[in-house]
Amino acid sequence: MDQSHKRRQGTEMNLFVPSAMINLCGDKRIDKLLEGWTLDLAFYELGNAIWKQVHAHKTITTREVNTVLNLLIETFRES
């Protein structure tokens, strides 16, 4: 690795795609999400993924979804 790469390494931020965000949440590694960015479109894709978890896979309850969606909305409003 060259010196310029080593210097930049400490200041780089990650760009998260929705699937990575879901995996990090599932692994309870939400703190990693604070070290990066995502696109506005990710909000809609996350909503679709959450819908699938409730209605297609039945892995989470409607009550849990409301909590998750409220947190997502709050997070996206602050960014």
C-alpha atoms as a PDB file:
ATOM      1  CA  MET A   1       0.000   0.000   0.000  1.00  0.00           C
ATOM      2  CA  ASP A   2       1.295   3.442  -0.821  1.00  0.00           C
ATOM      3  CA  GLN A   3       1.501   6.196   1.790  1.00  0.00           C
ATOM      4  CA  SER A   4      -1.407   8.233   0.417  1.00  0.00           C
ATOM      5  CA  HIS A   5      -3.732   5.231   0.712  1.00  0.00           C
ATOM      6  CA  LYS A   6      -2.629   4.622   4.301  1.00  0.00           C
ATOM      7  CA  ARG A   7      -3.315   8.275   5.172  1.00  0.00           C
ATOM      8  CA  ARG A   8      -6.806   8.262   3.623  1.00  0.00           C
ATOM      9  CA  GLN A   9      -7.740   4.973   5.197  1.00  0.00           C
ATOM     10  CA  GLY A  10      -8.675   6.533   8.534  1.00  0.00           C
ATOM     11  CA  THR A  11     -11.014   9.115   7.016  1.00  0.00           C
ATOM     12  CA  GLU A  12     -12.928   7.057   4.455  1.00  0.00           C
ATOM     13  CA  MET A  13     -16.654   6.494   4.831  1.00  0.00           C
ATOM     14  CA  ASN A  14     -18.660   3.569   3.506  1.00  0.00           C
ATOM     15  CA  LEU A  15     -21.569   3.770   1.080  1.00  0.00           C
ATOM     16  CA  PHE A  16     -24.151   1.237   2.216  1.00  0.00           C
ATOM     17  CA  VAL A  17     -26.608  -0.495  -0.072  1.00  0.00           C
ATOM     18  CA  PRO A  18     -29.891  -1.568   1.553  1.00  0.00           C
ATOM     19  CA  SER A  19     -28.991  -5.266   1.655  1.00  0.00           C
ATOM     20  CA  ALA A  20     -25.810  -4.471   3.594  1.00  0.00           C
ATOM     21  CA  MET A  21     -27.807  -2.273   5.964  1.00  0.00           C
ATOM     22  CA  ILE A  22     -30.271  -5.085   6.609  1.00  0.00           C
ATOM     23  CA  ASN A  23     -27.443  -7.562   7.205  1.00  0.00           C
ATOM     24  CA  LEU A  24     -25.739  -5.215   9.661  1.00  0.00           C
ATOM     25  CA  CYS A  25     -29.006  -4.728  11.538  1.00  0.00           C
ATOM     26  CA  GLY A  26     -29.596  -8.486  11.595  1.00  0.00           C
ATOM     27  CA  ASP A  27     -26.099  -8.988  12.994  1.00  0.00           C
ATOM     28  CA  LYS A  28     -26.734  -6.262  15.600  1.00  0.00           C
ATOM     29  CA  ARG A  29     -23.871  -4.175  14.200  1.00  0.00           C
ATOM     30  CA  ILE A  30     -25.859  -0.976  13.751  1.00  0.00           C
ATOM     31  CA  ASP A  31     -22.908   1.115  14.947  1.00  0.00           C
ATOM     32  CA  LYS A  32     -21.217   0.432  11.591  1.00  0.00           C
ATOM     33  CA  LEU A  33     -24.052   2.297   9.836  1.00  0.00           C
ATOM     34  CA  LEU A  34     -22.971   5.467  11.608  1.00  0.00           C
ATOM     35  CA  GLU A  35     -19.655   5.247   9.759  1.00  0.00           C
ATOM     36  CA  GLY A  36     -21.147   5.616   6.305  1.00  0.00           C
ATOM     37  CA  TRP A  37     -23.676   6.960   3.858  1.00  0.00           C
ATOM     38  CA  THR A  38     -26.516   5.696   1.736  1.00  0.00           C
ATOM     39  CA  LEU A  39     -28.658   6.991  -1.096  1.00  0.00           C
ATOM     40  CA  ASP A  40     -32.166   8.414  -0.609  1.00  0.00           C
ATOM     41  CA  LEU A  41     -33.573   5.546  -2.653  1.00  0.00           C
ATOM     42  CA  ALA A  42     -32.330   3.147   0.024  1.00  0.00           C
ATOM     43  CA  PHE A  43     -35.190   4.241   2.282  1.00  0.00           C
ATOM     44  CA  TYR A  44     -37.749   2.827  -0.168  1.00  0.00           C
ATOM     45  CA  GLU A  45     -35.779  -0.357  -0.701  1.00  0.00           C
ATOM     46  CA  LEU A  46     -35.528  -0.870   3.058  1.00  0.00           C
ATOM     47  CA  GLY A  47     -39.278  -0.401   3.335  1.00  0.00           C
ATOM     48  CA  ASN A  48     -39.818  -3.097   0.713  1.00  0.00           C
ATOM     49  CA  ALA A  49     -37.437  -5.458   2.489  1.00  0.00           C
ATOM     50  CA  ILE A  50     -39.209  -4.888   5.798  1.00  0.00           C
ATOM     51  CA  TRP A  51     -42.584  -5.498   4.152  1.00  0.00           C
ATOM     52  CA  LYS A  52     -41.292  -8.845   2.857  1.00  0.00           C
ATOM     53  CA  GLN A  53     -40.096  -9.817   6.333  1.00  0.00           C
ATOM     54  CA  VAL A  54     -43.598  -9.227   7.716  1.00  0.00           C
ATOM     55  CA  HIS A  55     -45.851 -10.510   4.973  1.00  0.00           C
ATOM     56  CA  ALA A  56     -43.853 -13.037   2.948  1.00  0.00           C
ATOM     57  CA  HIS A  57     -41.400 -14.496   5.458  1.00  0.00           C
ATOM     58  CA  LYS A  58     -43.339 -13.710   8.651  1.00  0.00           C
ATOM     59  CA  THR A  59     -40.108 -13.250  10.614  1.00  0.00           C
ATOM     60  CA  ILE A  60     -41.115 -10.048  12.421  1.00  0.00           C
ATOM     61  CA  THR A  61     -44.363  -8.691  13.802  1.00  0.00           C
ATOM     62  CA  THR A  62     -46.257  -5.598  12.742  1.00  0.00           C
ATOM     63  CA  ARG A  63     -45.410  -4.031  16.089  1.00  0.00           C
ATOM     64  CA  GLU A  64     -41.674  -4.581  15.468  1.00  0.00           C
ATOM     65  CA  VAL A  65     -42.045  -3.135  11.979  1.00  0.00           C
ATOM     66  CA  ASN A  66     -43.602   0.039  13.339  1.00  0.00           C
ATOM     67  CA  THR A  67     -40.615   0.473  15.632  1.00  0.00           C
ATOM     68  CA  VAL A  68     -38.128  -0.122  12.820  1.00  0.00           C
ATOM     69  CA  LEU A  69     -39.911   2.165  10.359  1.00  0.00           C
ATOM     70  CA  ASN A  70     -40.183   4.957  12.919  1.00  0.00           C
ATOM     71  CA  LEU A  71     -36.438   4.719  13.539  1.00  0.00           C
ATOM     72  CA  LEU A  72     -35.715   4.740   9.800  1.00  0.00           C
ATOM     73  CA  ILE A  73     -37.931   7.769   9.244  1.00  0.00           C
ATOM     74  CA  GLU A  74     -36.258   9.614  12.107  1.00  0.00           C
ATOM     75  CA  THR A  75     -32.806   8.714  10.798  1.00  0.00           C
ATOM     76  CA  PHE A  76     -33.532   9.853   7.257  1.00  0.00           C
ATOM     77  CA  ARG A  77     -35.083  13.129   8.446  1.00  0.00           C
ATOM     78  CA  GLU A  78     -31.925  13.975  10.388  1.00  0.00           C
ATOM     79  CA  SER A  79     -29.597  13.325   7.455  1.00  0.00           C
END
